[in-house]
N, C-alpha and C. Protein backbone atom coordinates (compact mmCIF):
# COMPACT_ATOMS: atom_id res chain seq x y z
N MET A 1 67.42 22.00 37.37
CA MET A 1 66.61 23.08 36.78
C MET A 1 65.60 23.62 37.81
N PRO A 2 66.06 24.50 38.68
CA PRO A 2 65.13 25.04 39.68
C PRO A 2 64.12 26.02 39.09
N THR A 3 64.51 26.68 37.99
CA THR A 3 63.61 27.66 37.36
C THR A 3 62.37 26.97 36.80
N PHE A 4 62.58 25.82 36.18
CA PHE A 4 61.46 25.06 35.62
C PHE A 4 60.50 24.62 36.72
N HIS A 5 61.08 24.18 37.84
CA HIS A 5 60.28 23.75 38.98
C HIS A 5 59.44 24.91 39.51
N LEU A 6 60.07 26.07 39.62
CA LEU A 6 59.36 27.26 40.08
C LEU A 6 58.25 27.64 39.12
N PHE A 7 58.55 27.54 37.84
CA PHE A 7 57.56 27.86 36.82
C PHE A 7 56.34 26.95 36.94
N MET A 8 56.60 25.65 37.15
CA MET A 8 55.50 24.70 37.30
C MET A 8 54.68 25.01 38.54
N LEU A 9 55.36 25.43 39.60
CA LEU A 9 54.69 25.81 40.84
C LEU A 9 53.79 27.02 40.60
N GLU A 10 54.32 27.99 39.86
CA GLU A 10 53.55 29.19 39.51
C GLU A 10 52.29 28.82 38.74
N VAL A 11 52.46 27.97 37.74
CA VAL A 11 51.34 27.54 36.91
C VAL A 11 50.29 26.83 37.76
N LYS A 12 50.77 25.96 38.65
CA LYS A 12 49.86 25.22 39.52
C LYS A 12 49.06 26.17 40.40
N CYS A 13 49.75 27.13 41.01
CA CYS A 13 49.09 28.11 41.86
C CYS A 13 48.10 28.94 41.06
N PHE A 14 48.51 29.36 39.87
CA PHE A 14 47.66 30.19 39.02
C PHE A 14 46.39 29.45 38.63
N THR A 15 46.55 28.19 38.21
CA THR A 15 45.37 27.41 37.79
C THR A 15 44.43 27.20 38.96
N PHE A 16 45.00 26.90 40.12
CA PHE A 16 44.17 26.69 41.31
C PHE A 16 43.39 27.95 41.64
N HIS A 17 44.08 29.09 41.64
CA HIS A 17 43.45 30.37 41.95
C HIS A 17 42.37 30.69 40.92
N TRP A 18 42.69 30.49 39.64
CA TRP A 18 41.74 30.79 38.57
C TRP A 18 40.50 29.91 38.67
N ARG A 19 40.70 28.64 38.99
CA ARG A 19 39.57 27.72 39.12
C ARG A 19 38.67 28.14 40.27
N ARG A 20 39.30 28.58 41.38
CA ARG A 20 38.52 29.04 42.53
C ARG A 20 37.74 30.30 42.19
N GLN A 21 38.38 31.20 41.45
CA GLN A 21 37.72 32.43 41.01
C GLN A 21 36.51 32.10 40.14
N MET A 22 36.66 31.18 39.21
CA MET A 22 35.58 30.78 38.32
C MET A 22 34.42 30.17 39.11
N THR A 23 34.76 29.34 40.10
CA THR A 23 33.73 28.72 40.92
C THR A 23 32.96 29.77 41.70
N GLU A 24 33.70 30.74 42.29
CA GLU A 24 33.05 31.81 43.04
C GLU A 24 32.16 32.65 42.15
N MET A 25 32.64 32.94 40.94
CA MET A 25 31.87 33.73 39.98
C MET A 25 30.59 32.99 39.59
N TYR A 26 30.74 31.70 39.34
CA TYR A 26 29.59 30.88 38.95
C TYR A 26 28.56 30.83 40.07
N LEU A 27 29.04 30.66 41.30
CA LEU A 27 28.14 30.62 42.45
C LEU A 27 27.42 31.94 42.64
N ALA A 28 28.15 33.04 42.46
CA ALA A 28 27.55 34.36 42.60
C ALA A 28 26.48 34.58 41.54
N LEU A 29 26.77 34.17 40.31
CA LEU A 29 25.79 34.28 39.22
C LEU A 29 24.56 33.44 39.51
N PHE A 30 24.80 32.23 39.97
CA PHE A 30 23.71 31.31 40.27
C PHE A 30 22.82 31.89 41.37
N ARG A 31 23.46 32.44 42.41
CA ARG A 31 22.73 33.04 43.52
C ARG A 31 21.92 34.23 43.04
N GLY A 32 22.54 35.05 42.21
CA GLY A 32 21.85 36.22 41.66
C GLY A 32 20.65 35.83 40.82
N ASN A 33 20.83 34.82 39.97
CA ASN A 33 19.73 34.33 39.14
C ASN A 33 18.62 33.74 40.00
N PHE A 34 19.00 33.04 41.05
CA PHE A 34 18.03 32.43 41.95
C PHE A 34 17.16 33.50 42.60
N ILE A 35 17.79 34.57 43.08
CA ILE A 35 17.07 35.68 43.70
C ILE A 35 16.16 36.34 42.67
N PHE A 36 16.67 36.55 41.47
CA PHE A 36 15.89 37.17 40.39
C PHE A 36 14.66 36.33 40.06
N ILE A 37 14.84 35.02 39.96
CA ILE A 37 13.73 34.11 39.65
C ILE A 37 12.70 34.14 40.78
N ASN A 38 13.18 34.16 42.02
CA ASN A 38 12.27 34.22 43.16
C ASN A 38 11.42 35.48 43.11
N ILE A 39 12.04 36.62 42.85
CA ILE A 39 11.33 37.90 42.75
C ILE A 39 10.31 37.83 41.62
N PHE A 40 10.73 37.29 40.49
CA PHE A 40 9.86 37.16 39.32
C PHE A 40 8.64 36.29 39.65
N LEU A 41 8.88 35.16 40.31
CA LEU A 41 7.78 34.26 40.68
C LEU A 41 6.83 34.92 41.67
N LEU A 42 7.39 35.61 42.66
CA LEU A 42 6.56 36.28 43.65
C LEU A 42 5.70 37.35 43.02
N SER A 43 6.28 38.14 42.12
CA SER A 43 5.54 39.22 41.47
C SER A 43 4.44 38.65 40.56
N SER A 44 4.74 37.55 39.87
CA SER A 44 3.73 36.94 38.99
C SER A 44 2.60 36.33 39.82
N MET A 45 2.93 35.78 40.98
CA MET A 45 1.91 35.23 41.87
C MET A 45 1.00 36.34 42.38
N ASN A 46 1.60 37.48 42.71
CA ASN A 46 0.82 38.61 43.20
C ASN A 46 -0.09 39.16 42.11
N LEU A 47 0.36 39.12 40.87
CA LEU A 47 -0.44 39.63 39.76
C LEU A 47 -1.65 38.74 39.48
N THR A 48 -1.49 37.44 39.68
CA THR A 48 -2.58 36.52 39.37
C THR A 48 -3.70 36.59 40.41
N GLN A 49 -3.36 36.97 41.62
CA GLN A 49 -4.38 37.03 42.69
C GLN A 49 -5.37 38.16 42.46
């Protein structure tokens, strides 16, 4: 059954790719939130002075 083997290979590649995409998306979100929090903290510090 070579078709089944190919199908499993496809699924494996797809899951790997999808997992990498999710990780990249999560990292990008985290980085964006980190920058946003930094800006927020800096602006609040400036306001208190």
